[in-house]
Each structure stands twice: as structure tokens, then as C-alpha cells.
Amino acid sequence: MFCNFCFRTQNPEVAAEDHIMGQYVLYPIESHQRKDVQRINRCATSRISQKPPYSKQAAMTSQSQGIHQLLQAEKRAKDKLEEAKKRKEKRLKQAKEEAMAEINQYRMQRDKEFRLKQSKVMGSQSNLSEEVDERTLGKIKELNGSYNKYMEVVLKQLLNMVCDVKPGIHVNYRATH
């Protein structure tokens, strides 16, 4: 018969027991030694009723091992969370950089298109202004040419009108007597 707590034998036929590699080995005794065995068993039985000191220590050891395992698992989980956060931050940073590169590329493309349109418009405006300047210069030359051509004729007519005065009564004049 074995004790449920410490697995010690309470059989008077067994003189001693050894704990080897997790197993109990029982040694049979001679009949003349039974009285001594009974005395030993009574001592063993009295010890069985008390909790052996190593059982409390073993329980504490198993509890501390369990706590240690829980702490290790918690640490591993925390490390995994930290790694996930770092990966997420890295992906966000990479996405932000890619977005900025895409924005810069789009901005450069639109700026290039704007410059092309601006050069066309400004080029056409500069062409227009040059064309207007050319027309203006052409008109000025034409006016100067006609001035030089008709200047003498106009001066003669003007002087003839001023200098050749024909005295006479004006047509709108009415005599009032």
C-alpha cells in the first residue's frame, strides 16, 4: 500500500525504498526484521501525515516555473508587438516617401506642361506685340511719307486761302435798316 501524498510504502514486508530516476524501488526484508520495519513504517506513517518540506518547495518551484513561463510568454508577446509596431511605422514611412515622390513627379509634370503652355501663349503674345510694333512703325513711316509728299501742296493751298482774300458780303448777312 502506498501513501497518496509521498508514495511511500506502508507494507511491513518492505524494508527500504529508494528513489531512482523518478521511480521507487522496494527491497523485501526477512521475517525477523519485521518488527524494525514496523517501527520504521510507523515513523514513516507519522511523517506521511505531515507535509514534507520538499513538497511545499516543489509546489513553489512549479508555481515559480509557471510564473516564469508566463513572464517569458508575455515578454515574447511584447516583443512581437514592438516588432509589429516597427514594421507598421516602417511601412507608413515608406508609403509617405512613395507618396511624396509621386506628388513631386506629378508636380514636375504639371509644371512642365504649364511652362509649355505659357511659352506658347507668351510666345504668341510676344509675336503679337512684335507684330503690333511692326504695324505701328509701318503706319508711322507711311504717315511720314505722305506728310513729306503732300506737305508742299497743303502749305500752298493754306497760304493761298489766307493770302488771297476776296472782299465780299457773306451770304448769311442781312441788312437791317
N, C-alpha and C. Protein backbone atom coordinates (compact mmCIF):
# COMPACT_ATOMS: atom_id res chain seq x y z
N MET A 1 0.85 -1.17 0.00
CA MET A 1 0.00 0.00 0.00
C MET A 1 0.91 1.24 0.00
N PHE A 2 0.53 2.23 -0.80
CA PHE A 2 1.32 3.45 -0.93
C PHE A 2 0.55 4.64 -0.40
N CYS A 3 1.29 5.59 0.13
CA CYS A 3 0.70 6.84 0.57
C CYS A 3 0.43 7.70 -0.67
N ASN A 4 -0.73 8.30 -0.75
CA ASN A 4 -1.07 9.12 -1.92
C ASN A 4 -0.28 10.41 -1.98
N PHE A 5 0.24 10.84 -0.83
CA PHE A 5 0.94 12.12 -0.82
C PHE A 5 2.39 11.98 -1.26
N CYS A 6 3.12 11.02 -0.66
CA CYS A 6 4.54 10.94 -0.97
C CYS A 6 4.92 9.61 -1.60
N PHE A 7 3.97 8.76 -1.86
CA PHE A 7 4.19 7.46 -2.50
C PHE A 7 5.13 6.55 -1.70
N ARG A 8 5.18 6.72 -0.38
CA ARG A 8 6.00 5.82 0.43
C ARG A 8 5.19 4.56 0.74
N THR A 9 5.89 3.49 0.83
CA THR A 9 5.20 2.23 1.10
C THR A 9 4.88 2.10 2.59
N GLN A 10 3.77 1.46 2.88
CA GLN A 10 3.42 1.19 4.27
C GLN A 10 3.32 -0.33 4.49
N ASN A 11 3.98 -1.05 3.65
CA ASN A 11 3.96 -2.51 3.72
C ASN A 11 5.08 -2.98 4.65
N PRO A 12 4.75 -3.78 5.71
CA PRO A 12 5.80 -4.26 6.60
C PRO A 12 6.74 -5.25 5.93
N GLU A 13 6.39 -5.78 4.77
CA GLU A 13 7.23 -6.73 4.06
C GLU A 13 8.40 -6.02 3.37
N VAL A 14 8.31 -4.71 3.25
CA VAL A 14 9.32 -3.96 2.52
C VAL A 14 10.19 -3.21 3.53
N ALA A 15 11.48 -3.40 3.47
CA ALA A 15 12.38 -2.80 4.44
C ALA A 15 12.80 -1.40 4.05
N ALA A 16 13.04 -1.17 2.82
CA ALA A 16 13.56 0.14 2.42
C ALA A 16 13.07 0.46 1.01
N GLU A 17 13.21 1.67 0.69
CA GLU A 17 12.83 2.10 -0.66
C GLU A 17 13.81 3.17 -1.12
N ASP A 18 14.05 3.19 -2.38
CA ASP A 18 14.95 4.19 -2.95
C ASP A 18 14.22 4.88 -4.10
N HIS A 19 14.58 6.09 -4.24
CA HIS A 19 14.01 6.86 -5.36
C HIS A 19 15.11 6.95 -6.42
N ILE A 20 14.91 6.22 -7.52
CA ILE A 20 15.92 6.20 -8.58
C ILE A 20 15.25 6.62 -9.87
N MET A 21 15.73 7.74 -10.42
CA MET A 21 15.27 8.22 -11.73
C MET A 21 13.75 8.32 -11.80
N GLY A 22 13.13 8.83 -10.77
CA GLY A 22 11.70 9.06 -10.78
C GLY A 22 10.88 7.83 -10.43
N GLN A 23 11.50 6.71 -10.07
CA GLN A 23 10.76 5.50 -9.72
C GLN A 23 11.21 5.04 -8.33
N TYR A 24 10.25 4.42 -7.63
CA TYR A 24 10.58 3.88 -6.31
C TYR A 24 10.95 2.41 -6.45
N VAL A 25 12.04 2.03 -5.82
CA VAL A 25 12.48 0.63 -5.83
C VAL A 25 12.30 0.09 -4.41
N LEU A 26 11.57 -1.00 -4.29
CA LEU A 26 11.27 -1.57 -2.97
C LEU A 26 12.14 -2.81 -2.74
N TYR A 27 12.67 -2.93 -1.52
CA TYR A 27 13.52 -4.07 -1.18
C TYR A 27 12.79 -4.94 -0.16
N PRO A 28 12.58 -6.24 -0.41
CA PRO A 28 11.91 -7.12 0.58
C PRO A 28 12.84 -7.41 1.78
N ILE A 29 12.23 -7.73 2.94
CA ILE A 29 13.02 -7.99 4.14
C ILE A 29 12.75 -9.40 4.66
N GLU A 30 13.59 -9.83 5.56
CA GLU A 30 13.43 -11.13 6.18
C GLU A 30 12.39 -11.01 7.30
N SER A 31 11.79 -12.10 7.69
CA SER A 31 10.73 -12.08 8.69
C SER A 31 11.23 -11.64 10.07
N HIS A 32 12.48 -11.88 10.42
CA HIS A 32 12.99 -11.48 11.73
C HIS A 32 13.21 -9.96 11.82
N GLN A 33 13.17 -9.29 10.69
CA GLN A 33 13.38 -7.84 10.71
C GLN A 33 12.05 -7.08 10.65
N ARG A 34 10.92 -7.80 10.70
CA ARG A 34 9.62 -7.15 10.54
C ARG A 34 9.33 -6.14 11.64
N LYS A 35 9.74 -6.42 12.86
CA LYS A 35 9.46 -5.50 13.95
C LYS A 35 10.15 -4.17 13.71
N ASP A 36 11.38 -4.24 13.26
CA ASP A 36 12.09 -2.99 12.96
C ASP A 36 11.40 -2.25 11.82
N VAL A 37 10.92 -3.02 10.86
CA VAL A 37 10.25 -2.38 9.71
C VAL A 37 8.96 -1.73 10.17
N GLN A 38 8.24 -2.40 11.08
CA GLN A 38 7.00 -1.81 11.57
C GLN A 38 7.30 -0.50 12.29
N ARG A 39 8.37 -0.48 13.09
CA ARG A 39 8.75 0.74 13.76
C ARG A 39 9.11 1.82 12.73
N ILE A 40 9.85 1.42 11.71
CA ILE A 40 10.24 2.37 10.66
C ILE A 40 8.99 2.87 9.93
N ASN A 41 8.07 1.93 9.67
CA ASN A 41 6.86 2.33 8.96
C ASN A 41 6.01 3.27 9.80
N ARG A 42 5.99 3.03 11.14
CA ARG A 42 5.25 3.96 11.98
C ARG A 42 5.86 5.35 11.89
N CYS A 43 7.17 5.41 11.88
CA CYS A 43 7.84 6.71 11.73
C CYS A 43 7.52 7.31 10.36
N ALA A 44 7.54 6.43 9.38
CA ALA A 44 7.25 6.91 8.03
C ALA A 44 5.81 7.36 7.94
N THR A 45 4.90 6.63 8.61
CA THR A 45 3.49 7.00 8.58
C THR A 45 3.27 8.31 9.30
N SER A 46 3.98 8.52 10.41
CA SER A 46 3.83 9.79 11.11
C SER A 46 4.37 10.93 10.24
N ARG A 47 5.42 10.64 9.49
CA ARG A 47 5.93 11.67 8.58
C ARG A 47 4.97 11.87 7.41
N ILE A 48 4.27 10.84 7.04
CA ILE A 48 3.33 10.95 5.92
C ILE A 48 2.21 11.91 6.28
N SER A 49 1.75 11.87 7.51
CA SER A 49 0.66 12.75 7.90
C SER A 49 1.08 14.21 7.88
N GLN A 50 2.36 14.46 8.10
CA GLN A 50 2.86 15.83 8.00
C GLN A 50 3.26 16.10 6.55
N LYS A 51 3.14 17.34 6.19
CA LYS A 51 3.58 17.70 4.84
C LYS A 51 5.10 17.76 4.84
N PRO A 52 5.71 17.05 3.96
CA PRO A 52 7.17 17.13 3.91
C PRO A 52 7.60 18.49 3.40
N PRO A 53 8.75 18.95 3.86
CA PRO A 53 9.19 20.29 3.49
C PRO A 53 9.48 20.43 1.99
N TYR A 54 9.89 19.34 1.37
CA TYR A 54 10.22 19.45 -0.05
C TYR A 54 8.98 19.58 -0.91
N SER A 55 7.81 19.14 -0.44
CA SER A 55 6.60 19.24 -1.26
C SER A 55 6.17 20.70 -1.42
N LYS A 56 6.29 21.47 -0.34
CA LYS A 56 5.95 22.89 -0.42
C LYS A 56 6.93 23.60 -1.36
N GLN A 57 8.18 23.21 -1.22
CA GLN A 57 9.21 23.80 -2.07
C GLN A 57 8.97 23.41 -3.53
N ALA A 58 8.58 22.15 -3.73
CA ALA A 58 8.31 21.69 -5.10
C ALA A 58 7.12 22.44 -5.68
N ALA A 59 6.09 22.66 -4.84
CA ALA A 59 4.92 23.41 -5.32
C ALA A 59 5.32 24.84 -5.66
N MET A 60 6.14 25.44 -4.81
CA MET A 60 6.58 26.81 -5.08
C MET A 60 7.45 26.86 -6.33
N THR A 61 8.27 25.81 -6.49
CA THR A 61 9.13 25.76 -7.67
C THR A 61 8.28 25.65 -8.93
N SER A 62 7.25 24.78 -8.87
CA SER A 62 6.40 24.64 -10.06
C SER A 62 5.61 25.92 -10.31
N GLN A 63 5.19 26.59 -9.22
CA GLN A 63 4.50 27.87 -9.40
C GLN A 63 5.44 28.92 -9.99
N SER A 64 6.67 28.96 -9.46
CA SER A 64 7.61 29.95 -9.98
C SER A 64 7.97 29.63 -11.43
N GLN A 65 8.04 28.33 -11.76
CA GLN A 65 8.29 27.97 -13.15
C GLN A 65 7.12 28.42 -14.03
N GLY A 66 5.90 28.22 -13.53
CA GLY A 66 4.72 28.67 -14.28
C GLY A 66 4.72 30.18 -14.45
N ILE A 67 5.05 30.88 -13.37
CA ILE A 67 5.11 32.35 -13.44
C ILE A 67 6.21 32.77 -14.40
N HIS A 68 7.34 32.07 -14.31
CA HIS A 68 8.46 32.39 -15.21
C HIS A 68 8.05 32.16 -16.67
N GLN A 69 7.33 31.06 -16.92
CA GLN A 69 6.86 30.79 -18.28
C GLN A 69 5.89 31.88 -18.74
N LEU A 70 4.99 32.28 -17.84
CA LEU A 70 4.05 33.35 -18.19
C LEU A 70 4.78 34.65 -18.49
N LEU A 71 5.77 34.97 -17.68
CA LEU A 71 6.54 36.19 -17.92
C LEU A 71 7.29 36.12 -19.25
N GLN A 72 7.85 34.95 -19.54
CA GLN A 72 8.54 34.79 -20.83
C GLN A 72 7.56 34.93 -21.99
N ALA A 73 6.38 34.31 -21.84
CA ALA A 73 5.37 34.42 -22.90
C ALA A 73 4.93 35.87 -23.07
N GLU A 74 4.76 36.56 -21.95
CA GLU A 74 4.38 37.98 -22.01
C GLU A 74 5.47 38.80 -22.70
N LYS A 75 6.73 38.49 -22.37
CA LYS A 75 7.85 39.21 -22.99
C LYS A 75 7.88 38.94 -24.49
N ARG A 76 7.69 37.67 -24.88
CA ARG A 76 7.68 37.35 -26.31
C ARG A 76 6.54 38.08 -27.02
N ALA A 77 5.38 38.12 -26.38
CA ALA A 77 4.24 38.83 -26.99
C ALA A 77 4.54 40.32 -27.11
N LYS A 78 5.14 40.87 -26.08
CA LYS A 78 5.51 42.30 -26.11
C LYS A 78 6.52 42.56 -27.22
N ASP A 79 7.50 41.66 -27.36
CA ASP A 79 8.50 41.80 -28.43
C ASP A 79 7.84 41.73 -29.80
N LYS A 80 6.89 40.80 -29.95
CA LYS A 80 6.18 40.69 -31.23
C LYS A 80 5.39 41.96 -31.53
N LEU A 81 4.75 42.51 -30.49
CA LEU A 81 4.01 43.76 -30.68
C LEU A 81 4.95 44.89 -31.08
N GLU A 82 6.09 44.96 -30.44
CA GLU A 82 7.07 46.00 -30.77
C GLU A 82 7.55 45.84 -32.21
N GLU A 83 7.82 44.59 -32.61
CA GLU A 83 8.24 44.34 -33.99
C GLU A 83 7.14 44.75 -34.96
N ALA A 84 5.90 44.41 -34.62
CA ALA A 84 4.78 44.78 -35.50
C ALA A 84 4.65 46.29 -35.60
N LYS A 85 4.81 46.98 -34.47
CA LYS A 85 4.75 48.45 -34.50
C LYS A 85 5.87 49.02 -35.36
N LYS A 86 7.07 48.46 -35.22
CA LYS A 86 8.20 48.94 -36.02
C LYS A 86 7.95 48.70 -37.51
N ARG A 87 7.42 47.50 -37.83
CA ARG A 87 7.12 47.22 -39.24
C ARG A 87 6.05 48.16 -39.76
N LYS A 88 5.04 48.44 -38.94
CA LYS A 88 3.97 49.35 -39.35
C LYS A 88 4.53 50.75 -39.56
N GLU A 89 5.35 51.22 -38.63
CA GLU A 89 5.96 52.55 -38.78
C GLU A 89 6.82 52.60 -40.04
N LYS A 90 7.56 51.53 -40.28
CA LYS A 90 8.42 51.48 -41.47
C LYS A 90 7.58 51.53 -42.74
N ARG A 91 6.47 50.75 -42.76
CA ARG A 91 5.58 50.77 -43.93
C ARG A 91 4.95 52.13 -44.12
N LEU A 92 4.53 52.78 -43.03
CA LEU A 92 3.94 54.11 -43.13
C LEU A 92 4.96 55.12 -43.66
N LYS A 93 6.18 55.02 -43.16
CA LYS A 93 7.23 55.92 -43.62
C LYS A 93 7.51 55.70 -45.10
N GLN A 94 7.58 54.43 -45.49
CA GLN A 94 7.84 54.10 -46.89
C GLN A 94 6.69 54.59 -47.76
N ALA A 95 5.45 54.39 -47.31
CA ALA A 95 4.29 54.85 -48.09
C ALA A 95 4.30 56.37 -48.21
N LYS A 96 4.67 57.05 -47.13
CA LYS A 96 4.74 58.51 -47.15
C LYS A 96 5.81 58.97 -48.14
N GLU A 97 6.97 58.32 -48.12
CA GLU A 97 8.04 58.67 -49.06
C GLU A 97 7.60 58.43 -50.50
N GLU A 98 6.93 57.29 -50.74
CA GLU A 98 6.45 57.00 -52.09
C GLU A 98 5.42 58.03 -52.53
N ALA A 99 4.53 58.40 -51.62
CA ALA A 99 3.52 59.41 -51.95
C ALA A 99 4.18 60.75 -52.26
N MET A 100 5.17 61.13 -51.47
CA MET A 100 5.87 62.39 -51.73
C MET A 100 6.59 62.35 -53.07
N ALA A 101 7.20 61.21 -53.40
CA ALA A 101 7.88 61.08 -54.69
C ALA A 101 6.87 61.19 -55.83
N GLU A 102 5.72 60.54 -55.65
CA GLU A 102 4.67 60.60 -56.68
C GLU A 102 4.15 62.03 -56.82
N ILE A 103 3.96 62.71 -55.70
CA ILE A 103 3.49 64.10 -55.73
C ILE A 103 4.51 64.99 -56.44
N ASN A 104 5.78 64.81 -56.11
CA ASN A 104 6.82 65.62 -56.76
C ASN A 104 6.88 65.35 -58.26
N GLN A 105 6.74 64.09 -58.64
CA GLN A 105 6.75 63.75 -60.07
C GLN A 105 5.56 64.40 -60.77
N TYR A 106 4.38 64.30 -60.16
CA TYR A 106 3.18 64.91 -60.75
C TYR A 106 3.34 66.43 -60.84
N ARG A 107 3.89 67.03 -59.77
CA ARG A 107 4.10 68.48 -59.75
C ARG A 107 5.05 68.90 -60.87
N MET A 108 6.14 68.14 -61.06
CA MET A 108 7.09 68.47 -62.12
C MET A 108 6.45 68.34 -63.50
N GLN A 109 5.63 67.30 -63.67
CA GLN A 109 4.95 67.10 -64.95
C GLN A 109 4.00 68.26 -65.23
N ARG A 110 3.21 68.64 -64.25
CA ARG A 110 2.26 69.75 -64.43
C ARG A 110 3.01 71.07 -64.64
N ASP A 111 4.11 71.27 -63.95
CA ASP A 111 4.91 72.48 -64.12
C ASP A 111 5.47 72.55 -65.54
N LYS A 112 5.92 71.40 -66.04
CA LYS A 112 6.45 71.35 -67.41
C LYS A 112 5.35 71.69 -68.42
N GLU A 113 4.16 71.10 -68.22
CA GLU A 113 3.03 71.41 -69.10
C GLU A 113 2.68 72.89 -69.02
N PHE A 114 2.70 73.46 -67.83
CA PHE A 114 2.40 74.88 -67.65
C PHE A 114 3.41 75.74 -68.39
N ARG A 115 4.68 75.39 -68.26
CA ARG A 115 5.71 76.18 -68.96
C ARG A 115 5.54 76.11 -70.47
N LEU A 116 5.18 74.92 -70.98
CA LEU A 116 4.95 74.80 -72.43
C LEU A 116 3.79 75.70 -72.87
N LYS A 117 2.68 75.62 -72.13
CA LYS A 117 1.53 76.46 -72.47
C LYS A 117 1.88 77.94 -72.32
N GLN A 118 2.60 78.26 -71.27
CA GLN A 118 2.98 79.65 -71.03
C GLN A 118 3.89 80.15 -72.16
N SER A 119 4.82 79.31 -72.58
CA SER A 119 5.71 79.74 -73.66
C SER A 119 4.93 79.92 -74.96
N LYS A 120 3.93 79.05 -75.18
CA LYS A 120 3.11 79.22 -76.39
C LYS A 120 2.33 80.52 -76.31
N VAL A 121 1.69 80.76 -75.17
CA VAL A 121 0.88 81.98 -75.01
C VAL A 121 1.78 83.21 -75.01
N MET A 122 2.84 83.17 -74.23
CA MET A 122 3.75 84.31 -74.17
C MET A 122 4.46 84.50 -75.50
N GLY A 123 4.77 83.38 -76.15
CA GLY A 123 5.37 83.47 -77.47
C GLY A 123 4.41 84.11 -78.44
N SER A 124 3.16 83.71 -78.39
CA SER A 124 2.17 84.32 -79.28
C SER A 124 1.93 85.77 -78.88
N GLN A 125 1.98 86.05 -77.57
CA GLN A 125 1.83 87.44 -77.14
C GLN A 125 3.03 88.27 -77.58
N SER A 126 4.20 87.70 -77.43
CA SER A 126 5.38 88.45 -77.87
C SER A 126 5.34 88.60 -79.39
N ASN A 127 4.85 87.59 -80.08
CA ASN A 127 4.68 87.71 -81.53
C ASN A 127 3.66 88.79 -81.84
N LEU A 128 2.58 88.81 -81.06
CA LEU A 128 1.56 89.84 -81.27
C LEU A 128 2.13 91.22 -81.01
N SER A 129 2.86 91.35 -79.92
CA SER A 129 3.42 92.67 -79.62
C SER A 129 4.44 93.09 -80.69
N GLU A 130 5.21 92.13 -81.15
CA GLU A 130 6.16 92.45 -82.23
C GLU A 130 5.40 92.84 -83.50
N GLU A 131 4.32 92.10 -83.75
CA GLU A 131 3.51 92.40 -84.94
C GLU A 131 2.88 93.79 -84.84
N VAL A 132 2.37 94.11 -83.63
CA VAL A 132 1.78 95.43 -83.41
C VAL A 132 2.85 96.51 -83.57
N ASP A 133 4.02 96.27 -83.02
CA ASP A 133 5.11 97.23 -83.16
C ASP A 133 5.47 97.44 -84.64
N GLU A 134 5.53 96.35 -85.38
CA GLU A 134 5.85 96.45 -86.81
C GLU A 134 4.77 97.25 -87.56
N ARG A 135 3.51 96.95 -87.26
CA ARG A 135 2.40 97.68 -87.91
C ARG A 135 2.48 99.17 -87.58
N THR A 136 2.74 99.43 -86.29
CA THR A 136 2.84 100.83 -85.86
C THR A 136 3.97 101.54 -86.60
N LEU A 137 5.12 100.91 -86.65
CA LEU A 137 6.25 101.51 -87.38
C LEU A 137 5.92 101.70 -88.86
N GLY A 138 5.21 100.73 -89.44
CA GLY A 138 4.78 100.84 -90.84
C GLY A 138 3.86 102.02 -91.05
N LYS A 139 2.89 102.18 -90.13
CA LYS A 139 1.95 103.31 -90.23
C LYS A 139 2.69 104.64 -90.09
N ILE A 140 3.62 104.67 -89.12
CA ILE A 140 4.38 105.90 -88.90
C ILE A 140 5.18 106.24 -90.16
N LYS A 141 5.82 105.26 -90.76
CA LYS A 141 6.58 105.51 -91.99
C LYS A 141 5.65 105.97 -93.11
N GLU A 142 4.49 105.35 -93.20
CA GLU A 142 3.51 105.73 -94.23
C GLU A 142 3.04 107.16 -94.03
N LEU A 143 2.74 107.49 -92.76
CA LEU A 143 2.31 108.86 -92.46
C LEU A 143 3.43 109.86 -92.74
N ASN A 144 4.63 109.51 -92.35
CA ASN A 144 5.77 110.40 -92.64
C ASN A 144 5.96 110.56 -94.16
N GLY A 145 5.81 109.48 -94.88
CA GLY A 145 5.94 109.55 -96.34
C GLY A 145 4.87 110.42 -96.96
N SER A 146 3.60 110.25 -96.53
CA SER A 146 2.51 111.06 -97.07
C SER A 146 2.66 112.52 -96.63
N TYR A 147 3.17 112.73 -95.44
CA TYR A 147 3.41 114.10 -94.95
C TYR A 147 4.43 114.79 -95.86
N ASN A 148 5.54 114.07 -96.07
CA ASN A 148 6.58 114.66 -96.92
C ASN A 148 6.06 114.87 -98.36
N LYS A 149 5.23 113.97 -98.83
CA LYS A 149 4.73 114.05 -100.20
C LYS A 149 3.75 115.20 -100.37
N TYR A 150 2.83 115.38 -99.42
CA TYR A 150 1.76 116.37 -99.58
C TYR A 150 2.01 117.65 -98.79
N MET A 151 3.11 117.77 -98.13
CA MET A 151 3.38 118.93 -97.31
C MET A 151 3.40 120.23 -98.15
N GLU A 152 4.06 120.25 -99.21
CA GLU A 152 4.16 121.47 -100.03
C GLU A 152 2.82 121.83 -100.65
N VAL A 153 2.10 120.86 -101.10
CA VAL A 153 0.80 121.12 -101.72
C VAL A 153 -0.14 121.71 -100.70
N VAL A 154 -0.16 121.14 -99.50
CA VAL A 154 -1.06 121.60 -98.45
C VAL A 154 -0.64 123.00 -98.00
N LEU A 155 0.63 123.28 -97.89
CA LEU A 155 1.09 124.60 -97.49
C LEU A 155 0.70 125.65 -98.55
N LYS A 156 0.82 125.35 -99.81
CA LYS A 156 0.43 126.29 -100.88
C LYS A 156 -1.06 126.59 -100.79
N GLN A 157 -1.86 125.55 -100.60
CA GLN A 157 -3.31 125.76 -100.53
C GLN A 157 -3.64 126.62 -99.31
N LEU A 158 -3.01 126.35 -98.20
CA LEU A 158 -3.27 127.10 -96.99
C LEU A 158 -2.85 128.58 -97.16
N LEU A 159 -1.70 128.80 -97.70
CA LEU A 159 -1.24 130.18 -97.91
C LEU A 159 -2.11 130.90 -98.94
N ASN A 160 -2.53 130.24 -99.97
CA ASN A 160 -3.42 130.86 -100.97
C ASN A 160 -4.74 131.25 -100.33
N MET A 161 -5.27 130.45 -99.49
CA MET A 161 -6.54 130.77 -98.86
C MET A 161 -6.37 131.95 -97.90
N VAL A 162 -5.27 131.99 -97.21
CA VAL A 162 -5.07 133.06 -96.24
C VAL A 162 -4.68 134.35 -96.97
N CYS A 163 -3.86 134.24 -97.94
CA CYS A 163 -3.34 135.45 -98.60
C CYS A 163 -4.28 135.98 -99.69
N ASP A 164 -4.95 135.20 -100.40
CA ASP A 164 -5.87 135.66 -101.46
C ASP A 164 -7.23 135.93 -100.83
N VAL A 165 -7.43 137.12 -100.41
CA VAL A 165 -8.69 137.49 -99.79
C VAL A 165 -9.53 138.20 -100.84
N LYS A 166 -10.73 137.78 -101.05
CA LYS A 166 -11.67 138.42 -101.96
C LYS A 166 -12.71 139.10 -101.09
N PRO A 167 -12.73 140.44 -101.16
CA PRO A 167 -13.71 141.11 -100.33
C PRO A 167 -15.12 140.91 -100.90
N GLY A 168 -16.05 140.62 -100.04
CA GLY A 168 -17.43 140.45 -100.44
C GLY A 168 -18.31 140.24 -99.22
N ILE A 169 -19.59 140.32 -99.44
CA ILE A 169 -20.54 140.16 -98.35
C ILE A 169 -20.84 138.66 -98.22
N HIS A 170 -20.93 138.37 -97.03
CA HIS A 170 -21.20 136.97 -96.72
C HIS A 170 -22.63 136.65 -97.06
N VAL A 171 -22.88 135.46 -97.43
CA VAL A 171 -24.20 135.03 -97.86
C VAL A 171 -25.22 135.07 -96.75
N ASN A 172 -24.85 134.96 -95.58
CA ASN A 172 -25.79 134.93 -94.46
C ASN A 172 -26.06 136.32 -93.90
N TYR A 173 -25.40 137.27 -94.46
CA TYR A 173 -25.58 138.62 -93.94
C TYR A 173 -26.91 139.17 -94.40
N ARG A 174 -27.66 139.88 -93.52
CA ARG A 174 -28.93 140.53 -93.84
C ARG A 174 -28.83 141.98 -93.43
N ALA A 175 -29.29 142.71 -94.22
CA ALA A 175 -29.25 144.14 -93.90
C ALA A 175 -30.40 144.48 -92.99
N THR A 176 -30.15 145.24 -92.04
CA THR A 176 -31.17 145.61 -91.07
C THR A 176 -31.36 147.13 -91.11
N HIS A 177 -32.21 147.68 -91.81
CA HIS A 177 -32.48 149.11 -91.81
C HIS A 177 -33.81 149.38 -91.38
